[in-house]
Amino acid sequence: MAQRYPQGLRTRRRAAVLLAAGLLPSVVACGADASGPPPSPTAGTTTATAFSSAAVSPVSTPQAAVPSVDPYAGRPLIDHVTWTETIDGPRLLVFPTQAGRRTTFTGSDERAWQEVVDRSADADAPGMRDQFVCHWAWARLVQPDKPSWNLEPWRPAVGYQATVEARCNPGGPER
């Protein structure tokens, strides 16, 4: 029989797995002002180990926790997007819906990204998708109630793993 986990328990469970892997301190600041490099990995590990495949994809959950039918099919995952101007340049604020915050359905990240691009074609700039997927995978986990996710087209396109290692903000902290 498939075991169901309440949303809060699932989030705490993922956070515990990240903490045990030594990754939670590195991703908690996703989108936050962080000065300096990510914290050193736990004793006995190397940076390459701490940010290997675990950084490329979110922590896997038991099959029972991943729905086989999309419970949010037909419901929007992104409420709206808004462009703002900052000291560094333009910033796209992405506001997820409650469905977007809760879904764990395979492929929902791509469906949500398409909703972002549909709302603002300018979002489809180099590096922006990696920033979005980083927020989708990590910020939803460590800051589930963060009102918006901030994506900046002026940030360098460094690939997904380097974007995660930069706490979703390659090229420097958010200001």
N, C-alpha and C. Protein backbone atom coordinates (compact mmCIF):
# COMPACT_ATOMS: atom_id res chain seq x y z
N MET A 1 0.84 -1.18 0.00
CA MET A 1 0.00 0.00 0.00
C MET A 1 0.89 1.24 0.00
N ALA A 2 0.59 2.20 -0.85
CA ALA A 2 1.39 3.42 -0.95
C ALA A 2 1.20 4.26 0.30
N GLN A 3 2.31 4.77 0.81
CA GLN A 3 2.27 5.59 2.01
C GLN A 3 2.21 7.05 1.60
N ARG A 4 1.31 7.82 2.18
CA ARG A 4 1.17 9.24 1.90
C ARG A 4 1.81 10.03 3.02
N TYR A 5 2.46 11.13 2.68
CA TYR A 5 3.07 12.01 3.66
C TYR A 5 2.41 13.37 3.59
N PRO A 6 2.03 13.95 4.73
CA PRO A 6 1.51 15.31 4.71
C PRO A 6 2.60 16.24 4.16
N GLN A 7 2.19 17.37 3.55
CA GLN A 7 3.13 18.31 2.93
C GLN A 7 4.23 18.73 3.91
N GLY A 8 3.89 19.11 5.13
CA GLY A 8 4.89 19.56 6.10
C GLY A 8 5.89 18.48 6.44
N LEU A 9 5.41 17.25 6.59
CA LEU A 9 6.30 16.14 6.92
C LEU A 9 7.24 15.85 5.75
N ARG A 10 6.71 15.91 4.53
CA ARG A 10 7.53 15.65 3.35
C ARG A 10 8.64 16.71 3.26
N THR A 11 8.30 17.98 3.51
CA THR A 11 9.29 19.05 3.45
C THR A 11 10.35 18.86 4.53
N ARG A 12 9.92 18.54 5.76
CA ARG A 12 10.89 18.32 6.84
C ARG A 12 11.76 17.11 6.54
N ARG A 13 11.18 16.08 5.93
CA ARG A 13 11.92 14.88 5.59
C ARG A 13 12.99 15.18 4.54
N ARG A 14 12.63 15.97 3.52
CA ARG A 14 13.61 16.36 2.50
C ARG A 14 14.71 17.21 3.12
N ALA A 15 14.32 18.14 3.98
CA ALA A 15 15.32 18.99 4.63
C ALA A 15 16.27 18.15 5.47
N ALA A 16 15.74 17.12 6.15
CA ALA A 16 16.59 16.24 6.95
C ALA A 16 17.58 15.49 6.07
N VAL A 17 17.12 15.05 4.89
CA VAL A 17 18.01 14.36 3.97
C VAL A 17 19.10 15.31 3.48
N LEU A 18 18.71 16.55 3.14
CA LEU A 18 19.70 17.53 2.70
C LEU A 18 20.69 17.85 3.80
N LEU A 19 20.19 17.99 5.03
CA LEU A 19 21.06 18.28 6.15
C LEU A 19 22.05 17.16 6.36
N ALA A 20 21.57 15.92 6.29
CA ALA A 20 22.45 14.76 6.47
C ALA A 20 23.49 14.69 5.36
N ALA A 21 23.13 15.13 4.18
CA ALA A 21 24.07 15.11 3.05
C ALA A 21 25.00 16.31 3.07
N GLY A 22 24.78 17.23 4.00
CA GLY A 22 25.63 18.41 4.08
C GLY A 22 25.27 19.46 3.06
N LEU A 23 24.10 19.34 2.42
CA LEU A 23 23.71 20.28 1.38
C LEU A 23 22.78 21.37 1.88
N LEU A 24 22.04 21.16 2.95
CA LEU A 24 21.05 22.14 3.38
C LEU A 24 21.67 23.52 3.58
N PRO A 25 22.81 23.66 4.26
CA PRO A 25 23.36 25.00 4.43
C PRO A 25 23.69 25.67 3.10
N SER A 26 23.98 24.89 2.09
CA SER A 26 24.35 25.45 0.80
C SER A 26 23.15 25.92 0.00
N VAL A 27 21.98 25.35 0.22
CA VAL A 27 20.82 25.72 -0.58
C VAL A 27 19.82 26.57 0.19
N VAL A 28 19.96 26.69 1.49
CA VAL A 28 19.03 27.49 2.27
C VAL A 28 19.03 28.93 1.79
N ALA A 29 20.18 29.42 1.36
CA ALA A 29 20.28 30.81 0.94
C ALA A 29 19.85 31.02 -0.49
N CYS A 30 19.30 30.03 -1.13
CA CYS A 30 18.87 30.13 -2.52
C CYS A 30 18.02 31.37 -2.71
N GLY A 31 18.55 32.34 -3.40
CA GLY A 31 17.83 33.58 -3.63
C GLY A 31 18.04 34.59 -2.53
N ALA A 32 18.79 34.28 -1.50
CA ALA A 32 19.04 35.22 -0.41
C ALA A 32 20.40 35.84 -0.59
N ASP A 33 20.64 36.93 0.12
CA ASP A 33 21.94 37.58 0.07
C ASP A 33 22.92 36.70 0.82
N ALA A 34 23.91 36.21 0.12
CA ALA A 34 24.91 35.33 0.73
C ALA A 34 26.28 35.87 0.38
N SER A 35 27.05 36.22 1.37
CA SER A 35 28.39 36.69 1.08
C SER A 35 29.36 35.55 1.27
N GLY A 36 30.26 35.42 0.33
CA GLY A 36 31.27 34.37 0.42
C GLY A 36 30.81 33.09 -0.22
N PRO A 37 31.71 32.10 -0.26
CA PRO A 37 31.40 30.82 -0.90
C PRO A 37 30.48 29.99 -0.03
N PRO A 38 29.90 28.92 -0.59
CA PRO A 38 29.06 28.04 0.20
C PRO A 38 29.86 27.45 1.35
N PRO A 39 29.20 27.06 2.44
CA PRO A 39 29.90 26.47 3.56
C PRO A 39 30.68 25.23 3.14
N SER A 40 31.74 24.95 3.87
CA SER A 40 32.54 23.77 3.57
C SER A 40 31.73 22.51 3.82
N PRO A 41 31.96 21.48 3.02
CA PRO A 41 31.24 20.23 3.26
C PRO A 41 31.67 19.60 4.58
N THR A 42 30.93 18.61 4.99
CA THR A 42 31.22 17.94 6.25
C THR A 42 32.57 17.26 6.18
N ALA A 43 33.16 16.99 7.32
CA ALA A 43 34.48 16.36 7.39
C ALA A 43 34.49 15.05 6.64
N GLY A 44 35.58 14.82 5.92
CA GLY A 44 35.72 13.56 5.21
C GLY A 44 35.14 13.56 3.81
N THR A 45 34.55 14.71 3.39
CA THR A 45 34.02 14.78 2.03
C THR A 45 34.78 15.87 1.28
N THR A 46 34.63 15.88 -0.01
CA THR A 46 35.24 16.93 -0.81
C THR A 46 34.13 17.75 -1.44
N THR A 47 34.48 18.91 -1.94
CA THR A 47 33.47 19.76 -2.57
C THR A 47 32.83 19.02 -3.73
N ALA A 48 33.62 18.30 -4.50
CA ALA A 48 33.07 17.56 -5.64
C ALA A 48 32.04 16.54 -5.17
N THR A 49 32.29 15.91 -4.04
CA THR A 49 31.34 14.95 -3.51
C THR A 49 30.07 15.64 -3.04
N ALA A 50 30.22 16.77 -2.34
CA ALA A 50 29.07 17.44 -1.78
C ALA A 50 28.15 17.99 -2.86
N PHE A 51 28.70 18.35 -4.02
CA PHE A 51 27.88 18.93 -5.06
C PHE A 51 27.80 18.06 -6.30
N SER A 52 27.97 16.77 -6.14
CA SER A 52 27.91 15.89 -7.30
C SER A 52 26.47 15.75 -7.79
N SER A 53 26.01 14.57 -8.00
CA SER A 53 24.69 14.36 -8.58
C SER A 53 23.57 14.89 -7.69
N ALA A 54 23.80 15.01 -6.40
CA ALA A 54 22.75 15.54 -5.52
C ALA A 54 22.44 16.98 -5.88
N ALA A 55 23.43 17.74 -6.36
CA ALA A 55 23.20 19.12 -6.72
C ALA A 55 22.52 19.24 -8.08
N VAL A 56 22.67 18.25 -8.91
CA VAL A 56 22.11 18.31 -10.25
C VAL A 56 20.63 18.01 -10.24
N SER A 57 20.18 17.16 -9.36
CA SER A 57 18.75 16.87 -9.29
C SER A 57 18.32 16.88 -7.83
N PRO A 58 17.07 17.26 -7.59
CA PRO A 58 16.58 17.30 -6.22
C PRO A 58 16.65 15.92 -5.56
N VAL A 59 16.60 15.94 -4.25
CA VAL A 59 16.63 14.70 -3.49
C VAL A 59 15.49 13.80 -3.96
N SER A 60 15.81 12.56 -4.24
CA SER A 60 14.76 11.65 -4.69
C SER A 60 13.88 11.27 -3.51
N THR A 61 12.62 11.08 -3.82
CA THR A 61 11.67 10.70 -2.79
C THR A 61 11.20 9.28 -3.09
N PRO A 62 10.67 8.60 -2.09
CA PRO A 62 10.17 7.25 -2.34
C PRO A 62 9.09 7.29 -3.42
N GLN A 63 8.99 6.23 -4.19
CA GLN A 63 8.00 6.18 -5.26
C GLN A 63 6.60 6.49 -4.75
N ALA A 64 6.29 6.11 -3.54
CA ALA A 64 4.95 6.35 -3.01
C ALA A 64 4.68 7.85 -2.89
N ALA A 65 5.73 8.68 -2.74
CA ALA A 65 5.54 10.12 -2.58
C ALA A 65 5.36 10.83 -3.91
N VAL A 66 5.70 10.19 -5.02
CA VAL A 66 5.55 10.79 -6.34
C VAL A 66 4.25 10.29 -6.95
N PRO A 67 3.31 11.21 -7.22
CA PRO A 67 2.02 10.76 -7.75
C PRO A 67 2.16 10.20 -9.16
N SER A 68 1.33 9.22 -9.48
CA SER A 68 1.34 8.65 -10.83
C SER A 68 0.38 9.39 -11.75
N VAL A 69 -0.51 10.17 -11.18
CA VAL A 69 -1.43 11.01 -11.93
C VAL A 69 -1.25 12.43 -11.40
N ASP A 70 -1.13 13.39 -12.29
CA ASP A 70 -0.90 14.78 -11.88
C ASP A 70 -2.12 15.31 -11.14
N PRO A 71 -2.00 15.54 -9.82
CA PRO A 71 -3.14 16.03 -9.06
C PRO A 71 -3.49 17.49 -9.40
N TYR A 72 -2.59 18.19 -10.09
CA TYR A 72 -2.82 19.59 -10.44
C TYR A 72 -2.97 19.80 -11.94
N ALA A 73 -3.27 18.73 -12.68
CA ALA A 73 -3.47 18.83 -14.13
C ALA A 73 -4.55 19.86 -14.42
N GLY A 74 -4.28 20.73 -15.37
CA GLY A 74 -5.25 21.74 -15.74
C GLY A 74 -5.26 22.97 -14.84
N ARG A 75 -4.49 22.93 -13.75
CA ARG A 75 -4.42 24.08 -12.84
C ARG A 75 -3.11 24.81 -13.09
N PRO A 76 -3.13 26.14 -13.07
CA PRO A 76 -1.89 26.88 -13.29
C PRO A 76 -0.90 26.65 -12.14
N LEU A 77 0.38 26.60 -12.48
CA LEU A 77 1.44 26.47 -11.49
C LEU A 77 2.08 27.82 -11.19
N ILE A 78 1.92 28.76 -12.10
CA ILE A 78 2.46 30.12 -11.94
C ILE A 78 1.28 31.09 -11.93
N ASP A 79 1.22 31.93 -10.89
CA ASP A 79 0.14 32.90 -10.78
C ASP A 79 0.39 34.08 -11.72
N HIS A 80 1.56 34.70 -11.58
CA HIS A 80 1.91 35.81 -12.46
C HIS A 80 3.41 36.07 -12.38
N VAL A 81 3.89 36.88 -13.31
CA VAL A 81 5.28 37.31 -13.32
C VAL A 81 5.29 38.83 -13.46
N THR A 82 6.32 39.45 -12.91
CA THR A 82 6.45 40.91 -12.96
C THR A 82 7.91 41.27 -13.15
N TRP A 83 8.18 42.13 -14.12
CA TRP A 83 9.54 42.64 -14.32
C TRP A 83 9.74 43.87 -13.45
N THR A 84 10.92 43.93 -12.81
CA THR A 84 11.31 45.11 -12.03
C THR A 84 12.73 45.49 -12.47
N GLU A 85 13.16 46.66 -12.05
CA GLU A 85 14.51 47.11 -12.33
C GLU A 85 15.25 47.23 -11.00
N THR A 86 16.47 46.69 -10.94
CA THR A 86 17.28 46.75 -9.73
C THR A 86 18.59 47.45 -10.03
N ILE A 87 19.40 47.64 -9.02
CA ILE A 87 20.71 48.27 -9.18
C ILE A 87 21.58 47.49 -10.17
N ASP A 88 21.38 46.18 -10.26
CA ASP A 88 22.18 45.33 -11.15
C ASP A 88 21.58 45.19 -12.55
N GLY A 89 20.29 45.44 -12.69
CA GLY A 89 19.63 45.29 -13.98
C GLY A 89 18.23 44.74 -13.80
N PRO A 90 17.63 44.26 -14.87
CA PRO A 90 16.25 43.77 -14.79
C PRO A 90 16.14 42.48 -13.97
N ARG A 91 14.98 42.32 -13.36
CA ARG A 91 14.69 41.13 -12.56
C ARG A 91 13.26 40.70 -12.83
N LEU A 92 13.08 39.42 -13.06
CA LEU A 92 11.74 38.86 -13.24
C LEU A 92 11.32 38.19 -11.94
N LEU A 93 10.24 38.68 -11.36
CA LEU A 93 9.68 38.07 -10.16
C LEU A 93 8.63 37.06 -10.61
N VAL A 94 8.81 35.81 -10.20
CA VAL A 94 7.90 34.73 -10.57
C VAL A 94 7.11 34.34 -9.32
N PHE A 95 5.79 34.43 -9.41
CA PHE A 95 4.92 34.14 -8.28
C PHE A 95 4.20 32.81 -8.53
N PRO A 96 4.60 31.73 -7.85
CA PRO A 96 3.93 30.44 -8.05
C PRO A 96 2.57 30.40 -7.36
N THR A 97 1.69 29.56 -7.87
CA THR A 97 0.40 29.31 -7.21
C THR A 97 0.63 28.29 -6.10
N GLN A 98 -0.39 28.03 -5.32
CA GLN A 98 -0.29 26.97 -4.30
C GLN A 98 -0.03 25.63 -4.98
N ALA A 99 -0.66 25.38 -6.12
CA ALA A 99 -0.40 24.14 -6.85
C ALA A 99 1.06 24.07 -7.26
N GLY A 100 1.62 25.19 -7.70
CA GLY A 100 3.03 25.23 -8.09
C GLY A 100 3.97 25.00 -6.92
N ARG A 101 3.55 25.39 -5.74
CA ARG A 101 4.38 25.17 -4.55
C ARG A 101 4.31 23.72 -4.07
N ARG A 102 3.20 23.05 -4.35
CA ARG A 102 2.98 21.72 -3.77
C ARG A 102 3.27 20.54 -4.70
N THR A 103 3.18 20.73 -5.99
CA THR A 103 3.28 19.59 -6.90
C THR A 103 4.66 18.93 -6.85
N THR A 104 4.65 17.63 -6.95
CA THR A 104 5.88 16.84 -7.07
C THR A 104 5.83 16.00 -8.33
N PHE A 105 4.85 16.26 -9.17
CA PHE A 105 4.64 15.45 -10.36
C PHE A 105 5.80 15.62 -11.34
N THR A 106 6.26 14.52 -11.89
CA THR A 106 7.36 14.52 -12.85
C THR A 106 7.00 15.39 -14.04
N GLY A 107 7.90 16.29 -14.40
CA GLY A 107 7.68 17.18 -15.53
C GLY A 107 6.98 18.48 -15.19
N SER A 108 6.57 18.63 -13.94
CA SER A 108 5.87 19.86 -13.57
C SER A 108 6.79 21.07 -13.68
N ASP A 109 8.10 20.88 -13.52
CA ASP A 109 9.03 22.00 -13.66
C ASP A 109 9.00 22.56 -15.08
N GLU A 110 8.93 21.68 -16.07
CA GLU A 110 8.89 22.13 -17.46
C GLU A 110 7.55 22.79 -17.79
N ARG A 111 6.47 22.26 -17.23
CA ARG A 111 5.16 22.86 -17.44
C ARG A 111 5.13 24.26 -16.83
N ALA A 112 5.70 24.41 -15.62
CA ALA A 112 5.73 25.71 -14.96
C ALA A 112 6.62 26.69 -15.74
N TRP A 113 7.78 26.23 -16.22
CA TRP A 113 8.66 27.11 -17.00
C TRP A 113 7.93 27.60 -18.26
N GLN A 114 7.19 26.72 -18.90
CA GLN A 114 6.44 27.13 -20.09
C GLN A 114 5.41 28.20 -19.73
N GLU A 115 4.79 28.09 -18.55
CA GLU A 115 3.85 29.12 -18.10
C GLU A 115 4.56 30.45 -17.92
N VAL A 116 5.79 30.43 -17.39
CA VAL A 116 6.56 31.66 -17.22
C VAL A 116 6.82 32.29 -18.59
N VAL A 117 7.31 31.50 -19.53
CA VAL A 117 7.62 32.00 -20.87
C VAL A 117 6.35 32.49 -21.58
N ASP A 118 5.24 31.81 -21.37
CA ASP A 118 3.97 32.25 -21.96
C ASP A 118 3.55 33.62 -21.42
N ARG A 119 3.87 33.90 -20.17
CA ARG A 119 3.51 35.17 -19.55
C ARG A 119 4.49 36.28 -19.92
N SER A 120 5.73 35.90 -20.23
CA SER A 120 6.74 36.88 -20.64
C SER A 120 7.79 36.18 -21.50
N ALA A 121 7.70 36.41 -22.79
CA ALA A 121 8.64 35.77 -23.72
C ALA A 121 10.08 36.20 -23.43
N ASP A 122 10.27 37.37 -22.85
CA ASP A 122 11.62 37.85 -22.51
C ASP A 122 12.29 36.98 -21.44
N ALA A 123 11.51 36.15 -20.76
CA ALA A 123 12.09 35.26 -19.74
C ALA A 123 12.98 34.20 -20.36
N ASP A 124 12.77 33.90 -21.62
CA ASP A 124 13.51 32.83 -22.28
C ASP A 124 14.87 33.34 -22.75
N ALA A 125 15.69 33.77 -21.79
CA ALA A 125 17.03 34.29 -22.05
C ALA A 125 18.06 33.31 -21.48
N PRO A 126 19.29 33.33 -21.98
CA PRO A 126 20.31 32.39 -21.48
C PRO A 126 20.43 32.42 -19.95
N GLY A 127 20.42 31.25 -19.35
CA GLY A 127 20.59 31.11 -17.91
C GLY A 127 19.32 31.24 -17.09
N MET A 128 18.28 31.83 -17.66
CA MET A 128 17.04 32.06 -16.89
C MET A 128 16.34 30.75 -16.55
N ARG A 129 16.31 29.79 -17.47
CA ARG A 129 15.67 28.51 -17.19
C ARG A 129 16.40 27.80 -16.06
N ASP A 130 17.74 27.82 -16.07
CA ASP A 130 18.49 27.18 -14.99
C ASP A 130 18.19 27.83 -13.65
N GLN A 131 18.08 29.16 -13.61
CA GLN A 131 17.72 29.84 -12.37
C GLN A 131 16.33 29.41 -11.92
N PHE A 132 15.40 29.32 -12.87
CA PHE A 132 14.04 28.92 -12.53
C PHE A 132 14.00 27.50 -11.97
N VAL A 133 14.64 26.56 -12.66
CA VAL A 133 14.61 25.16 -12.21
C VAL A 133 15.31 25.03 -10.86
N CYS A 134 16.36 25.81 -10.63
CA CYS A 134 17.02 25.81 -9.32
C CYS A 134 16.02 26.24 -8.23
N HIS A 135 15.28 27.31 -8.48
CA HIS A 135 14.27 27.74 -7.51
C HIS A 135 13.17 26.69 -7.37
N TRP A 136 12.76 26.11 -8.49
CA TRP A 136 11.70 25.10 -8.47
C TRP A 136 12.12 23.91 -7.60
N ALA A 137 13.35 23.45 -7.78
CA ALA A 137 13.81 22.27 -7.05
C ALA A 137 14.22 22.58 -5.62
N TRP A 138 14.88 23.70 -5.40
CA TRP A 138 15.48 23.95 -4.09
C TRP A 138 14.75 25.00 -3.26
N ALA A 139 14.39 26.14 -3.83
CA ALA A 139 13.74 27.18 -3.03
C ALA A 139 12.38 26.71 -2.52
N ARG A 140 11.67 25.93 -3.34
CA ARG A 140 10.38 25.39 -2.87
C ARG A 140 10.58 24.50 -1.65
N LEU A 141 11.72 23.85 -1.58
CA LEU A 141 12.01 22.94 -0.48
C LEU A 141 12.42 23.69 0.78
N VAL A 142 13.34 24.63 0.66
CA VAL A 142 13.89 25.27 1.84
C VAL A 142 13.17 26.56 2.23
N GLN A 143 12.48 27.19 1.27
CA GLN A 143 11.69 28.38 1.56
C GLN A 143 10.33 28.24 0.86
N PRO A 144 9.50 27.31 1.32
CA PRO A 144 8.26 27.00 0.61
C PRO A 144 7.29 28.17 0.51
N ASP A 145 7.38 29.14 1.40
CA ASP A 145 6.44 30.26 1.38
C ASP A 145 7.04 31.55 0.84
N LYS A 146 8.23 31.48 0.24
CA LYS A 146 8.83 32.68 -0.33
C LYS A 146 7.86 33.22 -1.39
N PRO A 147 7.47 34.49 -1.29
CA PRO A 147 6.43 35.01 -2.19
C PRO A 147 6.78 34.90 -3.67
N SER A 148 8.02 35.24 -4.03
CA SER A 148 8.39 35.17 -5.44
C SER A 148 9.80 34.63 -5.58
N TRP A 149 10.09 34.15 -6.77
CA TRP A 149 11.44 33.70 -7.11
C TRP A 149 11.99 34.73 -8.09
N ASN A 150 13.21 35.15 -7.86
CA ASN A 150 13.80 36.22 -8.65
C ASN A 150 14.77 35.66 -9.68
N LEU A 151 14.52 35.98 -10.94
CA LEU A 151 15.35 35.53 -12.04
C LEU A 151 15.91 36.76 -12.73
N GLU A 152 17.22 36.75 -13.01
CA GLU A 152 17.86 37.90 -13.63
C GLU A 152 18.56 37.51 -14.92
N PRO A 153 18.19 38.15 -16.03
CA PRO A 153 18.81 37.83 -17.32
C PRO A 153 20.27 38.27 -17.42
N TRP A 154 20.71 39.18 -16.57
CA TRP A 154 22.10 39.65 -16.62
C TRP A 154 23.06 38.67 -15.95
N ARG A 155 22.54 37.68 -15.23
CA ARG A 155 23.43 36.69 -14.59
C ARG A 155 24.04 35.79 -15.67
N PRO A 156 25.28 35.34 -15.45
CA PRO A 156 25.90 34.49 -16.47
C PRO A 156 25.22 33.13 -16.57
N ALA A 157 25.14 32.62 -17.79
CA ALA A 157 24.59 31.28 -18.05
C ALA A 157 25.73 30.30 -17.81
N VAL A 158 25.72 29.62 -16.65
CA VAL A 158 26.83 28.75 -16.25
C VAL A 158 26.43 27.28 -16.21
N GLY A 159 25.21 26.95 -16.59
CA GLY A 159 24.72 25.58 -16.50
C GLY A 159 24.02 25.34 -15.18
N TYR A 160 23.22 24.29 -15.14
CA TYR A 160 22.39 24.03 -13.96
C TYR A 160 23.19 23.75 -12.70
N GLN A 161 24.18 22.86 -12.76
CA GLN A 161 24.93 22.50 -11.55
C GLN A 161 25.62 23.72 -10.96
N ALA A 162 26.26 24.54 -11.79
CA ALA A 162 26.93 25.74 -11.28
C ALA A 162 25.90 26.74 -10.74
N THR A 163 24.72 26.78 -11.32
CA THR A 163 23.66 27.65 -10.81
C THR A 163 23.24 27.21 -9.41
N VAL A 164 23.10 25.91 -9.20
CA VAL A 164 22.76 25.39 -7.87
C VAL A 164 23.88 25.70 -6.89
N GLU A 165 25.12 25.47 -7.30
CA GLU A 165 26.26 25.74 -6.43
C GLU A 165 26.32 27.22 -6.04
N ALA A 166 25.80 28.10 -6.90
CA ALA A 166 25.75 29.53 -6.62
C ALA A 166 24.45 29.93 -5.91
N ARG A 167 23.76 28.95 -5.37
CA ARG A 167 22.51 29.19 -4.65
C ARG A 167 21.46 29.88 -5.51
N CYS A 168 21.41 29.47 -6.76
CA CYS A 168 20.48 29.96 -7.77
C CYS A 168 20.83 31.36 -8.28
N ASN A 169 21.95 31.91 -7.82
CA ASN A 169 22.35 33.27 -8.18
C ASN A 169 23.78 33.31 -8.73
N PRO A 170 24.02 32.74 -9.93
CA PRO A 170 25.38 32.79 -10.46
C PRO A 170 25.79 34.23 -10.76
N GLY A 171 27.04 34.53 -10.53
CA GLY A 171 27.54 35.87 -10.80
C GLY A 171 27.48 36.80 -9.61
N GLY A 172 27.05 36.30 -8.47
CA GLY A 172 27.03 37.15 -7.26
C GLY A 172 25.70 37.07 -6.55
N PRO A 173 25.70 37.50 -5.29
CA PRO A 173 24.47 37.43 -4.49
C PRO A 173 23.43 38.42 -4.97
N GLU A 174 22.20 38.14 -4.60
CA GLU A 174 21.09 39.03 -4.90
C GLU A 174 21.21 40.28 -4.04
N ARG A 175 20.91 41.44 -4.65
CA ARG A 175 20.93 42.68 -3.86
C ARG A 175 19.59 43.35 -3.91
